Amino acid sequence: MKSINEINLKIAVLGEGGVGKTSIVNLYSGKEFPNIYIPTIGSNIRRKEYKLEDEHIRVNIWDIGGQKSFNPLNPSFFANIDAAFLVFDLSNPKESTLELQKVYINHIKEKSPNCIVIYLGNKSDLIKPESFGSLMNNLTQINLDKNPLIFTSAKTQDNIIEAFELMIYNYLKKLESEGFSTQFNNLIPSFLKLIDKKEEDLSRILINLDSMDYSTLQNKITPKIRKKVVYDSSENGNHSNIHESAIVSVNNKLQLERIKTDVIKTFYENFKFVEDRILEIKVTPIDQLIQKIDLTFLELETLKNDFELKLGTVLNLESKLPSPELESNLNGKKRGDA
């Protein structure tokens, strides 16, 4: 049997609550664009694999919750990250990049100093031509610390897959520059062949703020071909067009049940991640075994804390819901007022 090399890439998707991180991750991993915003509690892990002739590239995407009311910042989420997307809202760029610049970048530099960073300005579908001037002015005032920038829209699917492909390509280039190319066979050409792209196709989506003008911005914001809008089906079949920035206030049982379902689904997905990590240890060369065990132990500790956070948040939300008696009285008063 032919030996297959596995390349594991850990990508963190970071940003404030409501900027579209989960929608971006869902779209890339084959899930649908949601018709309602449910804040991410802790972290969710998604996976995607690229099977080349002699290598498998396994992309582990950590979707880190940014809603402060649900997620006290956990520095362990920033450990051992190979690459990070810093996501902000193009319709509100200055405010949605504040935490990225003040907190997130510093944690990345401390915990994962060699991490590849790309900024994603999401929700380009919300930018109207009359707002281009204001957007250009705001973007030039934001310090991206020389990191690349891409405009995306999870809603119209613009540049989402391309952004991940560019990140993977950059990571493979980094491996090559660090001398790992001898371990892998024809890795970068094989990856480009699989995705049917050339290097210039990948870099075409990058935004250069120094040379940006009105016409360039208009071309980047308004794609020539709009991709289909994807909605998630709800219980009643209503596919209403609700943008992911519409924050859900958890004030009834249905909303809480949605969050519970999301937590349970995430638990099983994260558990699968743990299973795969253990299988990886079994085939790890002896000289790398201790390092692999230490890394896996750290990730298990992170996932344990993550589950405790999810469970505590759900119980806290449940305790704040009105009791059935109070809800019945309130409904009765509303009917009486009518």
Protein backbone atom coordinates (compact mmCIF):
# COMPACT_ATOMS: atom_id res chain seq x y z
CA MET A 1 0.00 0.00 0.00
CA LYS A 2 1.31 3.45 -0.93
CA SER A 3 2.20 5.70 2.01
CA ILE A 4 0.20 8.94 2.17
CA ASN A 5 1.57 12.02 3.93
CA GLU A 6 -0.95 14.00 5.99
CA ILE A 7 -0.69 17.75 6.35
CA ASN A 8 -2.80 19.20 9.14
CA LEU A 9 -3.59 22.90 8.95
CA LYS A 10 -5.31 24.69 11.85
CA ILE A 11 -7.14 27.85 10.77
CA ALA A 12 -8.83 30.09 13.36
CA VAL A 13 -11.67 32.36 12.22
CA LEU A 14 -11.74 35.34 14.59
CA GLY A 15 -13.75 38.52 14.95
CA GLU A 16 -16.53 40.32 16.76
CA GLY A 17 -19.99 38.77 17.14
CA GLY A 18 -22.26 39.16 14.11
CA VAL A 19 -19.56 39.84 11.49
CA GLY A 20 -20.36 36.57 9.69
CA LYS A 21 -17.66 34.13 10.87
CA THR A 22 -19.95 31.10 11.18
CA SER A 23 -21.59 31.83 7.83
CA ILE A 24 -18.14 31.93 6.21
CA VAL A 25 -17.08 28.65 7.85
CA ASN A 26 -20.40 26.96 7.02
CA LEU A 27 -20.18 27.96 3.37
CA TYR A 28 -16.60 26.72 3.03
CA SER A 29 -17.37 23.40 4.74
CA GLY A 30 -20.47 22.74 2.62
CA LYS A 31 -23.23 23.91 4.95
CA GLU A 32 -25.89 26.47 4.12
CA PHE A 33 -26.15 30.18 4.80
CA PRO A 34 -28.39 30.56 7.87
CA ASN A 35 -31.69 32.44 7.82
CA ILE A 36 -31.25 33.51 11.44
CA TYR A 37 -28.22 34.51 13.50
CA ILE A 38 -27.38 32.22 16.42
CA PRO A 39 -24.31 33.40 18.34
CA THR A 40 -21.44 30.91 18.55
CA ILE A 41 -20.73 29.83 22.12
CA GLY A 42 -17.05 29.04 22.66
CA SER A 43 -15.73 27.41 19.50
CA ASN A 44 -16.96 25.12 16.73
CA ILE A 45 -14.65 22.93 14.66
CA ARG A 46 -15.23 22.15 10.99
CA ARG A 47 -13.07 20.06 8.69
CA LYS A 48 -12.32 19.86 5.01
CA GLU A 49 -9.86 17.58 3.19
CA TYR A 50 -7.98 17.85 -0.07
CA LYS A 51 -6.80 14.45 -1.34
CA LEU A 52 -3.76 14.77 -3.56
CA GLU A 53 -1.88 11.92 -5.17
CA ASP A 54 0.71 11.49 -2.41
CA GLU A 55 -0.64 13.79 0.34
CA HIS A 56 -3.83 14.59 2.14
CA ILE A 57 -4.33 18.17 3.31
CA ARG A 58 -6.64 18.25 6.31
CA VAL A 59 -7.96 21.72 7.13
CA ASN A 60 -9.27 22.13 10.70
CA ILE A 61 -11.29 25.35 10.98
CA TRP A 62 -11.87 26.71 14.47
CA ASP A 63 -14.82 29.12 14.48
CA ILE A 64 -14.27 31.18 17.64
CA GLY A 65 -17.32 32.94 19.11
CA GLY A 66 -17.02 36.72 19.31
CA GLN A 67 -20.22 37.71 21.11
CA LYS A 68 -18.92 39.05 24.45
CA SER A 69 -22.08 38.22 26.40
CA PHE A 70 -21.54 34.53 25.56
CA ASN A 71 -17.78 34.28 25.25
CA PRO A 72 -15.23 35.44 27.80
CA LEU A 73 -12.01 35.62 25.82
CA ASN A 74 -10.06 32.36 26.20
CA PRO A 75 -6.36 32.83 25.30
CA SER A 76 -5.95 29.07 24.75
CA PHE A 77 -7.99 29.41 21.53
CA PHE A 78 -5.02 31.30 20.06
CA ALA A 79 -2.44 28.56 20.74
CA ASN A 80 -0.86 26.51 17.95
CA ILE A 81 -2.71 28.30 15.15
CA ASP A 82 -1.14 27.88 11.71
CA ALA A 83 -3.31 30.52 10.06
CA ALA A 84 -6.03 32.99 11.04
CA PHE A 85 -8.75 34.92 9.26
CA LEU A 86 -9.55 38.18 11.07
CA VAL A 87 -13.11 38.98 10.00
CA PHE A 88 -14.74 42.41 10.14
CA ASP A 89 -17.91 43.99 8.79
CA LEU A 90 -17.40 46.14 5.66
CA SER A 91 -20.59 48.04 6.45
CA ASN A 92 -19.06 49.02 9.84
CA PRO A 93 -15.30 48.67 9.37
CA LYS A 94 -13.92 50.99 12.05
CA GLU A 95 -15.91 49.58 14.98
CA SER A 96 -15.71 45.92 13.92
CA THR A 97 -11.88 46.07 13.68
CA LEU A 98 -11.26 47.65 17.11
CA GLU A 99 -11.02 44.35 19.02
CA LEU A 100 -9.06 42.73 16.19
CA GLN A 101 -6.36 45.38 16.54
CA LYS A 102 -6.42 45.81 20.32
CA VAL A 103 -6.81 42.18 21.46
CA TYR A 104 -6.79 39.49 18.80
CA ILE A 105 -3.57 40.41 16.99
CA ASN A 106 -1.69 40.63 20.31
CA HIS A 107 -2.89 37.17 21.38
CA ILE A 108 -1.88 35.71 18.01
CA LYS A 109 1.59 37.27 18.24
CA GLU A 110 2.01 35.90 21.77
CA LYS A 111 0.56 32.38 21.33
CA SER A 112 1.22 31.68 17.62
CA PRO A 113 3.93 34.07 16.42
CA ASN A 114 4.42 32.28 13.09
CA CYS A 115 0.72 32.33 12.22
CA ILE A 116 -0.29 33.49 8.73
CA VAL A 117 -2.89 36.28 9.02
CA ILE A 118 -5.42 37.47 6.42
CA TYR A 119 -8.14 40.08 7.03
CA LEU A 120 -11.58 39.37 5.59
CA GLY A 121 -13.84 42.37 5.06
CA ASN A 122 -17.16 40.51 5.01
CA LYS A 123 -20.68 41.57 3.91
CA SER A 124 -19.58 43.25 0.70
CA ASP A 125 -23.15 42.66 -0.51
CA LEU A 126 -24.31 45.44 1.86
CA ILE A 127 -22.07 48.13 0.36
CA LYS A 128 -23.91 50.49 -1.98
CA PRO A 129 -22.12 52.65 -4.60
CA GLU A 130 -22.97 55.82 -2.69
CA SER A 131 -21.00 54.42 0.31
CA PHE A 132 -17.77 53.71 -1.61
CA GLY A 133 -16.14 57.03 -0.68
CA SER A 134 -16.84 56.58 3.02
CA LEU A 135 -15.61 52.97 2.92
CA MET A 136 -12.35 53.93 1.19
CA ASN A 137 -11.77 56.63 3.80
CA ASN A 138 -12.42 54.23 6.69
CA LEU A 139 -10.25 51.44 5.27
CA THR A 140 -7.24 53.72 4.81
CA GLN A 141 -7.49 54.68 8.50
CA ILE A 142 -7.46 51.06 9.70
CA ASN A 143 -4.07 49.61 10.61
CA LEU A 144 -3.92 46.11 9.10
CA ASP A 145 -0.26 45.77 10.09
CA LYS A 146 0.70 44.89 6.47
CA ASN A 147 -1.47 41.75 6.53
CA PRO A 148 -3.39 40.89 3.30
CA LEU A 149 -7.02 41.96 2.88
CA ILE A 150 -9.85 40.27 0.96
CA PHE A 151 -13.45 41.44 0.46
CA THR A 152 -15.98 38.63 0.95
CA SER A 153 -19.70 38.01 1.19
CA ALA A 154 -20.92 34.83 2.82
CA LYS A 155 -24.41 35.69 1.60
CA THR A 156 -23.51 35.79 -2.11
CA GLN A 157 -20.58 33.36 -1.72
CA ASP A 158 -18.09 35.86 -3.15
CA ASN A 159 -14.43 35.02 -2.48
CA ILE A 160 -15.10 32.61 0.42
CA ILE A 161 -13.73 29.43 -1.15
CA GLU A 162 -11.03 31.47 -2.87
CA ALA A 163 -9.88 32.99 0.45
CA PHE A 164 -9.41 29.55 2.03
CA GLU A 165 -7.61 28.26 -1.07
CA LEU A 166 -5.24 31.24 -0.93
CA MET A 167 -4.61 30.61 2.78
CA ILE A 168 -3.81 26.93 2.14
CA TYR A 169 -1.52 27.89 -0.74
CA ASN A 170 0.32 30.41 1.48
CA TYR A 171 0.74 27.73 4.15
CA LEU A 172 2.17 25.26 1.63
CA LYS A 173 4.57 27.98 0.43
CA LYS A 174 5.60 28.50 4.06
CA LEU A 175 6.28 24.77 4.46
CA GLU A 176 8.37 24.90 1.31
CA SER A 177 10.39 27.89 2.56
CA GLU A 178 11.07 26.06 5.83
CA GLY A 179 12.58 23.11 3.99
CA PHE A 180 9.68 20.68 4.22
CA SER A 181 9.36 20.38 0.45
CA THR A 182 11.72 17.39 0.41
CA GLN A 183 9.26 15.53 2.67
CA PHE A 184 6.42 16.00 0.20
CA ASN A 185 6.23 15.17 -3.47
CA ASN A 186 5.26 17.95 -5.89
CA LEU A 187 2.93 19.38 -3.25
CA ILE A 188 2.11 22.90 -4.50
CA PRO A 189 1.62 21.98 -8.18
CA SER A 190 -0.59 19.08 -7.09
CA PHE A 191 -2.75 21.37 -4.96
CA LEU A 192 -3.10 23.97 -7.73
CA LYS A 193 -4.02 21.21 -10.17
CA LEU A 194 -6.67 19.84 -7.80
CA ILE A 195 -8.39 23.23 -7.38
CA ASP A 196 -7.81 24.04 -11.08
CA LYS A 197 -6.15 27.41 -10.41
CA LYS A 198 -2.87 29.19 -11.01
CA GLU A 199 -1.06 31.32 -8.44
CA GLU A 200 -2.21 34.53 -10.12
CA ASP A 201 -5.84 33.32 -9.89
CA LEU A 202 -5.48 33.05 -6.11
CA SER A 203 -3.77 36.40 -5.59
CA ARG A 204 -6.27 38.25 -7.79
CA ILE A 205 -8.74 38.59 -4.90
CA LEU A 206 -6.29 40.52 -2.69
CA ILE A 207 -7.01 44.19 -2.00
CA ASN A 208 -4.17 46.70 -2.25
CA LEU A 209 -5.29 49.74 -0.27
CA ASP A 210 -2.28 51.78 -1.41
CA SER A 211 -3.39 51.64 -5.05
CA MET A 212 -7.13 51.53 -4.41
CA ASP A 213 -9.29 54.04 -6.27
CA TYR A 214 -13.04 54.39 -6.78
CA SER A 215 -13.25 52.24 -9.93
CA THR A 216 -11.05 49.48 -8.45
CA LEU A 217 -13.14 49.42 -5.29
CA GLN A 218 -16.36 49.28 -7.30
CA ASN A 219 -15.03 46.31 -9.27
CA LYS A 220 -13.99 44.47 -6.09
CA ILE A 221 -17.25 45.18 -4.24
CA THR A 222 -19.62 44.48 -7.14
CA PRO A 223 -18.75 41.13 -8.79
CA LYS A 224 -19.57 40.75 -12.46
CA ILE A 225 -21.29 37.45 -11.77
CA ARG A 226 -23.39 37.23 -8.61
CA LYS A 227 -23.43 33.78 -7.13
CA LYS A 228 -26.57 32.20 -5.82
CA VAL A 229 -27.86 33.16 -2.39
CA VAL A 230 -28.06 30.21 -0.01
CA TYR A 231 -30.61 29.96 2.80
CA ASP A 232 -31.08 27.43 5.53
CA SER A 233 -34.52 25.85 5.74
CA SER A 234 -36.43 26.60 8.93
CA GLU A 235 -39.12 24.57 10.64
CA ASN A 236 -41.98 26.34 8.94
CA GLY A 237 -40.35 26.49 5.52
CA ASN A 238 -39.93 30.26 5.65
CA HIS A 239 -36.79 31.21 3.68
CA SER A 240 -36.87 34.86 4.65
CA ASN A 241 -33.87 36.99 3.75
CA ILE A 242 -32.36 37.71 7.16
CA HIS A 243 -28.77 38.90 7.30
CA GLU A 244 -26.45 37.27 9.82
CA SER A 245 -25.99 40.55 11.72
CA ALA A 246 -29.58 40.36 13.02
CA ILE A 247 -28.79 39.50 16.64
CA VAL A 248 -31.10 37.04 18.39
CA SER A 249 -32.21 38.03 21.85
CA VAL A 250 -32.78 34.82 23.75
CA ASN A 251 -36.18 35.46 25.27
CA ASN A 252 -38.25 32.43 24.36
CA LYS A 253 -38.00 28.64 24.34
CA LEU A 254 -37.75 28.30 20.55
CA GLN A 255 -34.63 30.47 20.42
CA LEU A 256 -33.10 28.56 23.32
CA GLU A 257 -33.88 25.24 21.62
CA ARG A 258 -32.01 26.44 18.52
CA ILE A 259 -28.96 27.18 20.66
CA LYS A 260 -29.23 23.80 22.45
CA THR A 261 -29.41 21.99 19.10
CA ASP A 262 -26.35 23.90 17.91
CA VAL A 263 -24.43 23.02 21.10
CA ILE A 264 -25.27 19.30 20.81
CA LYS A 265 -24.31 19.20 17.13
CA THR A 266 -21.03 20.97 17.91
CA PHE A 267 -20.26 18.53 20.74
CA TYR A 268 -20.38 15.55 18.37
CA GLU A 269 -18.34 17.36 15.72
CA ASN A 270 -15.68 18.30 18.29
CA PHE A 271 -15.69 14.73 19.63
CA LYS A 272 -14.96 13.50 16.11
CA PHE A 273 -12.03 15.91 16.05
CA VAL A 274 -10.71 14.29 19.26
CA GLU A 275 -11.06 10.79 17.76
CA ASP A 276 -9.06 11.84 14.72
CA ARG A 277 -6.37 13.40 16.90
CA ILE A 278 -5.96 10.10 18.80
CA LEU A 279 -5.70 8.18 15.53
CA GLU A 280 -3.01 10.62 14.40
CA ILE A 281 -1.01 9.90 17.57
CA LYS A 282 -1.02 6.18 16.73
CA VAL A 283 0.82 6.80 13.45
CA THR A 284 3.12 9.60 14.67
CA PRO A 285 6.86 8.88 14.30
CA ILE A 286 8.51 8.17 17.64
CA ASP A 287 10.73 11.27 17.53
CA GLN A 288 7.63 13.52 17.25
CA LEU A 289 5.42 11.59 19.65
CA ILE A 290 5.92 13.63 22.85
CA GLN A 291 5.30 16.90 21.01
CA LYS A 292 2.15 15.45 19.41
CA ILE A 293 0.82 14.18 22.76
CA ASP A 294 1.45 17.57 24.42
CA LEU A 295 -0.34 19.38 21.59
CA THR A 296 -3.29 16.98 21.72
CA PHE A 297 -3.52 17.32 25.51
CA LEU A 298 -3.65 21.12 25.16
CA GLU A 299 -6.42 20.88 22.56
CA LEU A 300 -8.38 18.43 24.75
CA GLU A 301 -8.12 20.86 27.65
CA THR A 302 -9.37 23.67 25.38
CA LEU A 303 -12.33 21.56 24.21
CA LYS A 304 -13.17 20.59 27.82
CA ASN A 305 -13.25 24.27 28.82
CA ASP A 306 -15.24 25.00 25.68
CA PHE A 307 -17.91 22.42 26.56
CA GLU A 308 -18.13 23.73 30.14
CA LEU A 309 -18.66 27.22 28.72
CA LYS A 310 -21.40 26.01 26.36
CA LEU A 311 -23.19 24.08 29.10
CA GLY A 312 -22.95 26.95 31.59
CA THR A 313 -24.24 29.44 29.03
CA VAL A 314 -27.25 27.28 28.12
CA LEU A 315 -28.15 26.75 31.79
CA ASN A 316 -27.77 30.48 32.45
CA LEU A 317 -30.00 31.37 29.48
CA GLU A 318 -32.56 28.79 30.57
CA SER A 319 -32.71 30.25 34.08
CA LYS A 320 -33.47 33.71 32.68
CA LEU A 321 -36.46 32.63 30.60
CA PRO A 322 -39.88 33.50 32.07
CA SER A 323 -41.58 30.64 33.88
CA PRO A 324 -44.51 28.87 32.09
CA GLU A 325 -46.93 30.50 34.59
CA LEU A 326 -45.54 33.98 33.93
CA GLU A 327 -45.53 33.39 30.18
CA SER A 328 -49.17 32.24 30.35
CA ASN A 329 -50.15 35.32 32.38
CA LEU A 330 -48.35 37.64 29.95
CA ASN A 331 -50.06 35.99 26.96
CA GLY A 332 -53.42 36.27 28.74
CA LYS A 333 -52.88 39.99 29.40
CA LYS A 334 -51.94 40.55 25.75
CA ARG A 335 -55.12 38.84 24.59
CA GLY A 336 -57.13 40.88 27.11
CA ASP A 337 -55.57 44.13 25.91
CA ALA A 338 -56.45 43.21 22.35
